[in-house]
PDB file of N, CA and C in Angstrom:
ATOM      1  N   MET A   1     155.431   3.957 100.117  1.00  0.00           N
ATOM      2  CA  MET A   1     155.005   4.412  98.900  1.00  0.00           C
ATOM      3  C   MET A   1     153.897   5.192  99.437  1.00  0.00           C
ATOM      4  N   GLN A   2     153.767   6.469  98.775  1.00  0.00           N
ATOM      5  CA  GLN A   2     152.660   7.285  99.208  1.00  0.00           C
ATOM      6  C   GLN A   2     151.380   7.408  98.483  1.00  0.00           C
ATOM      7  N   ALA A   3     150.223   7.351  99.094  1.00  0.00           N
ATOM      8  CA  ALA A   3     148.914   7.301  98.334  1.00  0.00           C
ATOM      9  C   ALA A   3     148.894   8.383  97.432  1.00  0.00           C
ATOM     10  N   GLU A   4     148.241   8.233  96.289  1.00  0.00           N
ATOM     11  CA  GLU A   4     147.701   9.352  95.406  1.00  0.00           C
ATOM     12  C   GLU A   4     146.533  10.111  96.115  1.00  0.00           C
ATOM     13  N   ALA A   5     146.717  11.307  96.104  1.00  0.00           N
ATOM     14  CA  ALA A   5     145.538  12.307  96.396  1.00  0.00           C
ATOM     15  C   ALA A   5     144.292  12.126  95.608  1.00  0.00           C
ATOM     16  N   VAL A   6     143.094  12.117  96.418  1.00  0.00           N
ATOM     17  CA  VAL A   6     141.843  11.864  95.768  1.00  0.00           C
ATOM     18  C   VAL A   6     141.572  13.454  95.360  1.00  0.00           C
ATOM     19  N   PRO A   7     141.353  13.654  93.973  1.00  0.00           N
ATOM     20  CA  PRO A   7     140.791  15.029  93.732  1.00  0.00           C
ATOM     21  C   PRO A   7     139.672  15.615  94.278  1.00  0.00           C
ATOM     22  N   ASP A   8     139.257  16.879  94.732  1.00  0.00           N
ATOM     23  CA  ASP A   8     138.234  17.291  95.076  1.00  0.00           C
ATOM     24  C   ASP A   8     137.208  17.884  94.031  1.00  0.00           C
ATOM     25  N   ALA A   9     136.161  17.780  94.403  1.00  0.00           N
ATOM     26  CA  ALA A   9     135.024  18.030  93.338  1.00  0.00           C
ATOM     27  C   ALA A   9     135.189  19.189  92.526  1.00  0.00           C
ATOM     28  N   ASP A  10     135.957  20.479  93.095  1.00  0.00           N
ATOM     29  CA  ASP A  10     136.507  21.389  92.092  1.00  0.00           C
ATOM     30  C   ASP A  10     137.330  21.160  90.974  1.00  0.00           C
ATOM     31  N   ASN A  11     138.288  20.578  91.454  1.00  0.00           N
ATOM     32  CA  ASN A  11     139.515  19.983  90.490  1.00  0.00           C
ATOM     33  C   ASN A  11     138.626  18.956  89.380  1.00  0.00           C
ATOM     34  N   PHE A  12     138.042  18.066  89.919  1.00  0.00           N
ATOM     35  CA  PHE A  12     137.203  17.267  88.958  1.00  0.00           C
ATOM     36  C   PHE A  12     136.562  17.942  87.815  1.00  0.00           C
ATOM     37  N   TYR A  13     135.961  18.982  88.417  1.00  0.00           N
ATOM     38  CA  TYR A  13     134.906  19.615  87.275  1.00  0.00           C
ATOM     39  C   TYR A  13     136.033  20.672  86.481  1.00  0.00           C
ATOM     40  N   ILE A  14     136.919  21.105  86.960  1.00  0.00           N
ATOM     41  CA  ILE A  14     137.955  21.810  86.055  1.00  0.00           C
ATOM     42  C   ILE A  14     138.400  20.912  85.114  1.00  0.00           C
ATOM     43  N   ARG A  15     139.008  19.620  85.558  1.00  0.00           N
ATOM     44  CA  ARG A  15     139.361  18.621  84.571  1.00  0.00           C
ATOM     45  C   ARG A  15     138.547  18.257  83.380  1.00  0.00           C
ATOM     46  N   ILE A  16     137.364  17.990  83.763  1.00  0.00           N
ATOM     47  CA  ILE A  16     136.376  17.717  82.789  1.00  0.00           C
ATOM     48  C   ILE A  16     136.111  18.828  81.574  1.00  0.00           C
ATOM     49  N   THR A  17     135.828  20.078  82.232  1.00  0.00           N
ATOM     50  CA  THR A  17     135.684  21.010  81.525  1.00  0.00           C
ATOM     51  C   THR A  17     136.754  21.489  80.367  1.00  0.00           C
ATOM     52  N   ASN A  18     138.193  21.007  80.985  1.00  0.00           N
ATOM     53  CA  ASN A  18     139.041  21.148  80.219  1.00  0.00           C
ATOM     54  C   ASN A  18     139.304  20.399  79.177  1.00  0.00           C
ATOM     55  N   GLU A  19     138.758  18.924  79.280  1.00  0.00           N
ATOM     56  CA  GLU A  19     138.916  17.861  78.346  1.00  0.00           C
ATOM     57  C   GLU A  19     137.697  17.627  77.602  1.00  0.00           C
ATOM     58  N   TYR A  20     136.677  18.211  77.787  1.00  0.00           N
ATOM     59  CA  TYR A  20     135.273  17.937  76.861  1.00  0.00           C
ATOM     60  C   TYR A  20     134.554  19.254  76.572  1.00  0.00           C
ATOM     61  N   LYS A  21     134.093  19.252  75.469  1.00  0.00           N
ATOM     62  CA  LYS A  21     133.088  20.346  75.213  1.00  0.00           C
ATOM     63  C   LYS A  21     131.791  19.805  74.998  1.00  0.00           C
ATOM     64  N   LEU A  22     130.695  20.414  75.689  1.00  0.00           N
ATOM     65  CA  LEU A  22     129.628  20.016  75.654  1.00  0.00           C
ATOM     66  C   LEU A  22     128.704  21.219  75.142  1.00  0.00           C
ATOM     67  N   HIS A  23     127.657  20.558  74.401  1.00  0.00           N
ATOM     68  CA  HIS A  23     126.475  21.375  73.668  1.00  0.00           C
ATOM     69  C   HIS A  23     125.166  20.905  73.902  1.00  0.00           C
ATOM     70  N   MET A  24     124.507  21.563  74.538  1.00  0.00           N
ATOM     71  CA  MET A  24     123.053  21.164  74.802  1.00  0.00           C
ATOM     72  C   MET A  24     122.081  21.429  73.653  1.00  0.00           C
ATOM     73  N   LEU A  25     121.567  20.515  72.742  1.00  0.00           N
ATOM     74  CA  LEU A  25     120.938  20.739  71.647  1.00  0.00           C
ATOM     75  C   LEU A  25     119.491  21.098  71.959  1.00  0.00           C
ATOM     76  N   LYS A  26     119.049  20.118  72.676  1.00  0.00           N
ATOM     77  CA  LYS A  26     117.636  20.220  73.111  1.00  0.00           C
ATOM     78  C   LYS A  26     117.097  19.888  74.596  1.00  0.00           C
ATOM     79  N   LYS A  27     116.329  20.614  74.854  1.00  0.00           N
ATOM     80  CA  LYS A  27     115.754  20.199  76.262  1.00  0.00           C
ATOM     81  C   LYS A  27     114.164  20.371  76.217  1.00  0.00           C
ATOM     82  N   MET A  28     113.715  19.352  76.260  1.00  0.00           N
ATOM     83  CA  MET A  28     112.038  19.293  76.141  1.00  0.00           C
ATOM     84  C   MET A  28     111.634  18.595  77.410  1.00  0.00           C
ATOM     85  N   LYS A  29     110.414  18.416  77.624  1.00  0.00           N
ATOM     86  CA  LYS A  29     109.738  17.898  78.902  1.00  0.00           C
ATOM     87  C   LYS A  29     110.133  16.466  79.126  1.00  0.00           C
ATOM     88  N   ASN A  30     110.245  15.551  78.035  1.00  0.00           N
ATOM     89  CA  ASN A  30     110.727  14.105  78.311  1.00  0.00           C
ATOM     90  C   ASN A  30     112.052  13.894  77.548  1.00  0.00           C
ATOM     91  N   LYS A  31     112.490  14.739  77.113  1.00  0.00           N
ATOM     92  CA  LYS A  31     113.844  14.464  76.372  1.00  0.00           C
ATOM     93  C   LYS A  31     114.795  15.390  76.242  1.00  0.00           C
ATOM     94  N   VAL A  32     116.104  15.225  76.535  1.00  0.00           N
ATOM     95  CA  VAL A  32     117.084  16.122  76.606  1.00  0.00           C
ATOM     96  C   VAL A  32     118.165  15.534  75.496  1.00  0.00           C
ATOM     97  N   ILE A  33     118.854  16.256  74.533  1.00  0.00           N
ATOM     98  CA  ILE A  33     119.918  15.707  73.802  1.00  0.00           C
ATOM     99  C   ILE A  33     121.035  16.640  74.090  1.00  0.00           C
ATOM    100  N   VAL A  34     122.277  16.033  74.200  1.00  0.00           N
ATOM    101  CA  VAL A  34     123.621  16.669  74.518  1.00  0.00           C
ATOM    102  C   VAL A  34     124.539  15.977  73.590  1.00  0.00           C
ATOM    103  N   VAL A  35     125.391  16.958  73.073  1.00  0.00           N
ATOM    104  CA  VAL A  35     126.591  16.333  72.520  1.00  0.00           C
ATOM    105  C   VAL A  35     127.850  16.490  72.736  1.00  0.00           C
ATOM    106  N   VAL A  36     128.544  15.447  73.173  1.00  0.00           N
ATOM    107  CA  VAL A  36     129.734  15.473  73.994  1.00  0.00           C
ATOM    108  C   VAL A  36     130.991  15.427  72.836  1.00  0.00           C
ATOM    109  N   GLU A  37     131.969  16.242  72.815  1.00  0.00           N
ATOM    110  CA  GLU A  37     133.127  16.276  72.302  1.00  0.00           C
ATOM    111  C   GLU A  37     134.108  16.060  73.133  1.00  0.00           C
ATOM    112  N   GLY A  38     134.912  15.032  73.069  1.00  0.00           N
ATOM    113  CA  GLY A  38     135.813  14.384  73.744  1.00  0.00           C
ATOM    114  C   GLY A  38     137.311  14.228  73.161  1.00  0.00           C
ATOM    115  N   ARG A  39     138.000  13.276  74.105  1.00  0.00           N
ATOM    116  CA  ARG A  39     139.156  12.977  73.138  1.00  0.00           C
ATOM    117  C   ARG A  39     139.361  11.829  72.235  1.00  0.00           C
ATOM    118  N   HIS A  40     137.920  11.051  72.321  1.00  0.00           N
ATOM    119  CA  HIS A  40     138.017   9.774  71.428  1.00  0.00           C
ATOM    120  C   HIS A  40     136.559  10.266  70.426  1.00  0.00           C
ATOM    121  N   GLY A  41     136.269  11.535  70.199  1.00  0.00           N
ATOM    122  CA  GLY A  41     135.380  11.756  69.411  1.00  0.00           C
ATOM    123  C   GLY A  41     134.224  12.434  69.646  1.00  0.00           C
ATOM    124  N   ILE A  42     133.210  12.466  68.963  1.00  0.00           N
ATOM    125  CA  ILE A  42     131.931  13.062  69.203  1.00  0.00           C
ATOM    126  C   ILE A  42     130.801  12.182  69.577  1.00  0.00           C
ATOM    127  N   HIS A  43     130.122  12.276  70.526  1.00  0.00           N
ATOM    128  CA  HIS A  43     128.899  11.474  70.942  1.00  0.00           C
ATOM    129  C   HIS A  43     127.843  12.124  71.316  1.00  0.00           C
ATOM    130  N   THR A  44     126.731  11.522  71.301  1.00  0.00           N
ATOM    131  CA  THR A  44     125.215  12.088  71.319  1.00  0.00           C
ATOM    132  C   THR A  44     124.852  11.401  72.364  1.00  0.00           C
ATOM    133  N   VAL A  45     124.334  12.158  73.652  1.00  0.00           N
ATOM    134  CA  VAL A  45     123.669  11.518  74.899  1.00  0.00           C
ATOM    135  C   VAL A  45     122.404  11.978  74.794  1.00  0.00           C
ATOM    136  N   MET A  46     121.435  10.750  75.328  1.00  0.00           N
ATOM    137  CA  MET A  46     120.082  11.323  75.003  1.00  0.00           C
ATOM    138  C   MET A  46     119.458  10.837  76.518  1.00  0.00           C
ATOM    139  N   ARG A  47     118.576  11.649  76.995  1.00  0.00           N
ATOM    140  CA  ARG A  47     117.831  11.057  77.885  1.00  0.00           C
ATOM    141  C   ARG A  47     116.322  11.120  77.481  1.00  0.00           C
ATOM    142  N   THR A  48     115.582  10.195  77.511  1.00  0.00           N
ATOM    143  CA  THR A  48     114.274  10.146  77.130  1.00  0.00           C
ATOM    144  C   THR A  48     113.492   9.218  77.844  1.00  0.00           C
ATOM    145  N   ASN A  49     112.319   9.953  78.714  1.00  0.00           N
ATOM    146  CA  ASN A  49     111.438   9.583  79.759  1.00  0.00           C
ATOM    147  C   ASN A  49     112.348   8.732  80.806  1.00  0.00           C
ATOM    148  N   GLY A  50     113.428   9.665  81.247  1.00  0.00           N
ATOM    149  CA  GLY A  50     113.982   9.205  82.377  1.00  0.00           C
ATOM    150  C   GLY A  50     115.670   8.089  82.133  1.00  0.00           C
ATOM    151  N   ARG A  51     115.358   7.531  80.480  1.00  0.00           N
ATOM    152  CA  ARG A  51     116.487   6.639  80.416  1.00  0.00           C
ATOM    153  C   ARG A  51     117.523   7.436  79.610  1.00  0.00           C
ATOM    154  N   TRP A  52     118.523   6.818  80.187  1.00  0.00           N
ATOM    155  CA  TRP A  52     119.833   7.585  79.320  1.00  0.00           C
ATOM    156  C   TRP A  52     120.548   6.491  78.430  1.00  0.00           C
ATOM    157  N   SER A  53     120.917   7.276  77.132  1.00  0.00           N
ATOM    158  CA  SER A  53     121.844   6.303  76.123  1.00  0.00           C
ATOM    159  C   SER A  53     122.806   7.441  75.845  1.00  0.00           C
ATOM    160  N   CYS A  54     123.666   6.594  75.068  1.00  0.00           N
ATOM    161  CA  CYS A  54     125.222   7.237  74.235  1.00  0.00           C
ATOM    162  C   CYS A  54     125.418   6.577  73.267  1.00  0.00           C
ATOM    163  N   THR A  55     126.026   7.235  72.295  1.00  0.00           N
ATOM    164  CA  THR A  55     126.477   6.529  71.017  1.00  0.00           C
ATOM    165  C   THR A  55     127.786   6.002  71.186  1.00  0.00           C
ATOM    166  N   CYS A  56     128.409   6.195  72.124  1.00  0.00           N
ATOM    167  CA  CYS A  56     129.884   5.730  72.522  1.00  0.00           C
ATOM    168  C   CYS A  56     129.873   4.208  72.242  1.00  0.00           C
ATOM    169  N   PRO A  57     130.895   3.568  72.196  1.00  0.00           N
ATOM    170  CA  PRO A  57     131.050   1.872  72.062  1.00  0.00           C
ATOM    171  C   PRO A  57     130.942   1.444  73.452  1.00  0.00           C
ATOM    172  N   ALA A  58     131.557   2.287  74.675  1.00  0.00           N
ATOM    173  CA  ALA A  58     131.249   1.663  75.883  1.00  0.00           C
ATOM    174  C   ALA A  58     129.995   1.676  76.109  1.00  0.00           C
ATOM    175  N   PHE A  59     128.997   2.406  75.819  1.00  0.00           N
ATOM    176  CA  PHE A  59     127.868   2.358  76.273  1.00  0.00           C
ATOM    177  C   PHE A  59     127.087   1.358  75.273  1.00  0.00           C
ATOM    178  N   ILE A  60     127.248   1.260  74.016  1.00  0.00           N
ATOM    179  CA  ILE A  60     126.590   0.415  72.726  1.00  0.00           C
ATOM    180  C   ILE A  60     126.614  -0.807  73.290  1.00  0.00           C
ATOM    181  N   TYR A  61     127.977  -1.323  73.712  1.00  0.00           N
ATOM    182  CA  TYR A  61     128.444  -2.753  73.872  1.00  0.00           C
ATOM    183  C   TYR A  61     128.436  -2.954  75.327  1.00  0.00           C
ATOM    184  N   ARG A  62     127.683  -2.077  76.062  1.00  0.00           N
ATOM    185  CA  ARG A  62     127.504  -2.286  77.570  1.00  0.00           C
ATOM    186  C   ARG A  62     128.806  -2.776  78.521  1.00  0.00           C
ATOM    187  N   ARG A  63     129.840  -2.266  77.853  1.00  0.00           N
ATOM    188  CA  ARG A  63     131.118  -2.374  78.899  1.00  0.00           C
ATOM    189  C   ARG A  63     130.843  -1.501  80.080  1.00  0.00           C
ATOM    190  N   THR A  64     129.567  -0.844  80.245  1.00  0.00           N
ATOM    191  CA  THR A  64     129.476  -0.001  81.393  1.00  0.00           C
ATOM    192  C   THR A  64     128.379   0.515  81.654  1.00  0.00           C
ATOM    193  N   PRO A  65     127.432   0.346  82.234  1.00  0.00           N
ATOM    194  CA  PRO A  65     126.149   0.847  82.380  1.00  0.00           C
ATOM    195  C   PRO A  65     125.643   2.408  82.044  1.00  0.00           C
ATOM    196  N   GLU A  66     126.843   3.166  82.613  1.00  0.00           N
ATOM    197  CA  GLU A  66     126.718   4.584  82.598  1.00  0.00           C
ATOM    198  C   GLU A  66     128.159   5.240  82.136  1.00  0.00           C
ATOM    199  N   CYS A  67     128.292   5.384  80.732  1.00  0.00           N
ATOM    200  CA  CYS A  67     129.570   5.678  80.269  1.00  0.00           C
ATOM    201  C   CYS A  67     129.827   7.513  80.985  1.00  0.00           C
ATOM    202  N   SER A  68     131.144   7.584  80.600  1.00  0.00           N
ATOM    203  CA  SER A  68     131.740   9.049  81.099  1.00  0.00           C
ATOM    204  C   SER A  68     130.867   9.878  80.640  1.00  0.00           C
ATOM    205  N   HIS A  69     130.210   9.948  79.130  1.00  0.00           N
ATOM    206  CA  HIS A  69     129.516  10.937  78.631  1.00  0.00           C
ATOM    207  C   HIS A  69     128.119  11.194  79.025  1.00  0.00           C
ATOM    208  N   ILE A  70     127.578  10.025  79.592  1.00  0.00           N
ATOM    209  CA  ILE A  70     126.159  10.391  80.285  1.00  0.00           C
ATOM    210  C   ILE A  70     126.630  11.274  81.562  1.00  0.00           C
ATOM    211  N   LYS A  71     127.672  10.852  82.273  1.00  0.00           N
ATOM    212  CA  LYS A  71     127.949  11.333  83.829  1.00  0.00           C
ATOM    213  C   LYS A  71     128.136  12.870  83.386  1.00  0.00           C
ATOM    214  N   ILE A  72     128.845  13.193  82.334  1.00  0.00           N
ATOM    215  CA  ILE A  72     129.241  14.560  82.111  1.00  0.00           C
ATOM    216  C   ILE A  72     128.018  15.340  81.894  1.00  0.00           C
ATOM    217  N   ALA A  73     127.121  14.618  81.005  1.00  0.00           N
ATOM    218  CA  ALA A  73     125.684  15.308  80.350  1.00  0.00           C
ATOM    219  C   ALA A  73     124.991  15.632  81.805  1.00  0.00           C
ATOM    220  N   LYS A  74     124.772  14.639  82.736  1.00  0.00           N
ATOM    221  CA  LYS A  74     124.038  14.675  83.721  1.00  0.00           C
ATOM    222  C   LYS A  74     124.762  15.926  84.639  1.00  0.00           C
ATOM    223  N   MET A  75     125.965  16.181  84.671  1.00  0.00           N
ATOM    224  CA  MET A  75     126.406  17.331  85.214  1.00  0.00           C
ATOM    225  C   MET A  75     126.225  18.575  84.846  1.00  0.00           C
ATOM    226  N   LEU A  76     126.321  18.609  83.170  1.00  0.00           N
ATOM    227  CA  LEU A  76     125.862  19.920  82.720  1.00  0.00           C
ATOM    228  C   LEU A  76     124.424  20.376  82.925  1.00  0.00           C
ATOM    229  N   ILE A  77     123.303  19.127  82.805  1.00  0.00           N
ATOM    230  CA  ILE A  77     121.994  19.441  83.152  1.00  0.00           C
ATOM    231  C   ILE A  77     121.711  20.053  84.385  1.00  0.00           C
ATOM    232  N   ALA A  78     122.460  19.341  85.297  1.00  0.00           N
ATOM    233  CA  ALA A  78     122.304  19.883  86.977  1.00  0.00           C
ATOM    234  C   ALA A  78     122.911  21.211  87.043  1.00  0.00           C
ATOM    235  N   ASN A  79     124.077  21.643  86.423  1.00  0.00           N
ATOM    236  CA  ASN A  79     124.784  22.686  86.416  1.00  0.00           C
ATOM    237  C   ASN A  79     123.476  23.906  85.879  1.00  0.00           C
ATOM    238  N   ALA A  80     123.052  23.433  84.771  1.00  0.00           N
ATOM    239  CA  ALA A  80     122.210  24.423  83.924  1.00  0.00           C
ATOM    240  C   ALA A  80     120.973  24.595  85.056  1.00  0.00           C
ATOM    241  N   GLU A  81     120.388  23.588  85.462  1.00  0.00           N
ATOM    242  CA  GLU A  81     119.090  24.000  86.548  1.00  0.00           C
ATOM    243  C   GLU A  81     119.446  24.712  87.619  1.00  0.00           C
ATOM    244  N   ILE A  82     120.518  24.348  88.086  1.00  0.00           N
ATOM    245  CA  ILE A  82     121.014  25.074  89.388  1.00  0.00           C
ATOM    246  C   ILE A  82     121.145  26.632  89.036  1.00  0.00           C
ATOM    247  N   ARG A  83     121.850  27.064  87.767  1.00  0.00           N
ATOM    248  CA  ARG A  83     122.001  28.606  87.400  1.00  0.00           C
ATOM    249  C   ARG A  83     120.575  28.917  87.072  1.00  0.00           C
ATOM    250  N   LYS A  84     119.627  28.186  86.589  1.00  0.00           N
ATOM    251  CA  LYS A  84     118.372  28.699  86.187  1.00  0.00           C
ATOM    252  C   LYS A  84     117.634  29.070  87.608  1.00  0.00           C
ATOM    253  N   HIS A  85     117.622  28.074  88.616  1.00  0.00           N
ATOM    254  CA  HIS A  85     117.096  28.148  89.959  1.00  0.00           C
ATOM    255  C   HIS A  85     117.507  29.458  90.683  1.00  0.00           C
ATOM    256  N   MET A  86     119.212  29.814  90.486  1.00  0.00           N
ATOM    257  CA  MET A  86     119.781  30.763  91.384  1.00  0.00           C
ATOM    258  C   MET A  86     119.337  32.169  90.573  1.00  0.00           C
ATOM    259  N   GLN A  87     118.869  32.156  89.172  1.00  0.00           N
ATOM    260  CA  GLN A  87     118.602  33.316  88.405  1.00  0.00           C
ATOM    261  C   GLN A  87     117.135  33.673  89.136  1.00  0.00           C
ATOM    262  N   ASN A  88     116.446  32.514  88.938  1.00  0.00           N
ATOM    263  CA  ASN A  88     115.037  32.778  89.590  1.00  0.00           C
ATOM    264  C   ASN A  88     114.861  33.395  90.941  1.00  0.00           C
ATOM    265  N   LEU A  89     115.587  32.878  91.827  1.00  0.00           N
ATOM    266  CA  LEU A  89     116.007  33.610  93.013  1.00  0.00           C
ATOM    267  C   LEU A  89     116.342  34.855  93.142  1.00  0.00           C
ATOM    268  N   ASN A  90     117.243  35.226  92.196  1.00  0.00           N
ATOM    269  CA  ASN A  90     117.828  36.707  92.095  1.00  0.00           C
ATOM    270  C   ASN A  90     116.567  37.436  91.740  1.00  0.00           C
ATOM    271  N   THR A  91     116.017  37.093  90.804  1.00  0.00           N
ATOM    272  CA  THR A  91     115.212  37.869  90.180  1.00  0.00           C
ATOM    273  C   THR A  91     113.837  38.088  91.150  1.00  0.00           C
ATOM    274  N   THR A  92     113.441  37.109  91.894  1.00  0.00           N
ATOM    275  CA  THR A  92     112.609  37.093  92.994  1.00  0.00           C
ATOM    276  C   THR A  92     112.856  38.444  93.795  1.00  0.00           C
ATOM    277  N   THR A  93     114.019  38.009  94.526  1.00  0.00           N
ATOM    278  CA  THR A  93     114.443  38.661  95.609  1.00  0.00           C
ATOM    279  C   THR A  93     114.808  40.197  94.773  1.00  0.00           C
ATOM    280  N   GLY A  94     115.286  40.296  93.929  1.00  0.00           N
ATOM    281  CA  GLY A  94     115.499  41.796  93.345  1.00  0.00           C
ATOM    282  C   GLY A  94     114.247  42.655  93.037  1.00  0.00           C
ATOM    283  N   SER A  95     113.144  42.002  92.669  1.00  0.00           N
ATOM    284  CA  SER A  95     111.782  42.530  92.445  1.00  0.00           C
ATOM    285  C   SER A  95     111.133  42.956  93.670  1.00  0.00           C
ATOM    286  N   ASP A  96     111.529  42.453  94.811  1.00  0.00           N
ATOM    287  CA  ASP A  96     111.027  42.899  96.114  1.00  0.00           C
ATOM    288  C   ASP A  96     111.628  44.189  96.672  1.00  0.00           C
ATOM    289  N   SER A  97     112.834  44.454  96.239  1.00  0.00           N
ATOM    290  CA  SER A  97     113.646  45.362  96.708  1.00  0.00           C
ATOM    291  C   SER A  97     112.830  46.901  96.120  1.00  0.00           C
ATOM    292  N   PRO A  98     113.023  47.921  97.004  1.00  0.00           N
ATOM    293  CA  PRO A  98     112.536  49.206  96.661  1.00  0.00           C
ATOM    294  C   PRO A  98     113.204  50.050  95.649  1.00  0.00           C
TER     295      PRO A  98
END
């Protein structure tokens, strides 16, 4: 019996982006609100003062401490922060050129 291949990070990201639609609603100093549209409906994910919550049944009934919607929202936020950082680097390095 052949072992199933473990997906690399790029394939995992592609699969997630094809299965879910993400909408960043608000990002404030102590609060982030993201709407995640997936195969089983639309759920709201929030991070308030560092604590994560989700409106999905898996999170509400504590079947899992961190549902897939929270994981995806974390990836979205991290990706947005990386893009912002890269844009700042490009702006800084671009302004120094003659």
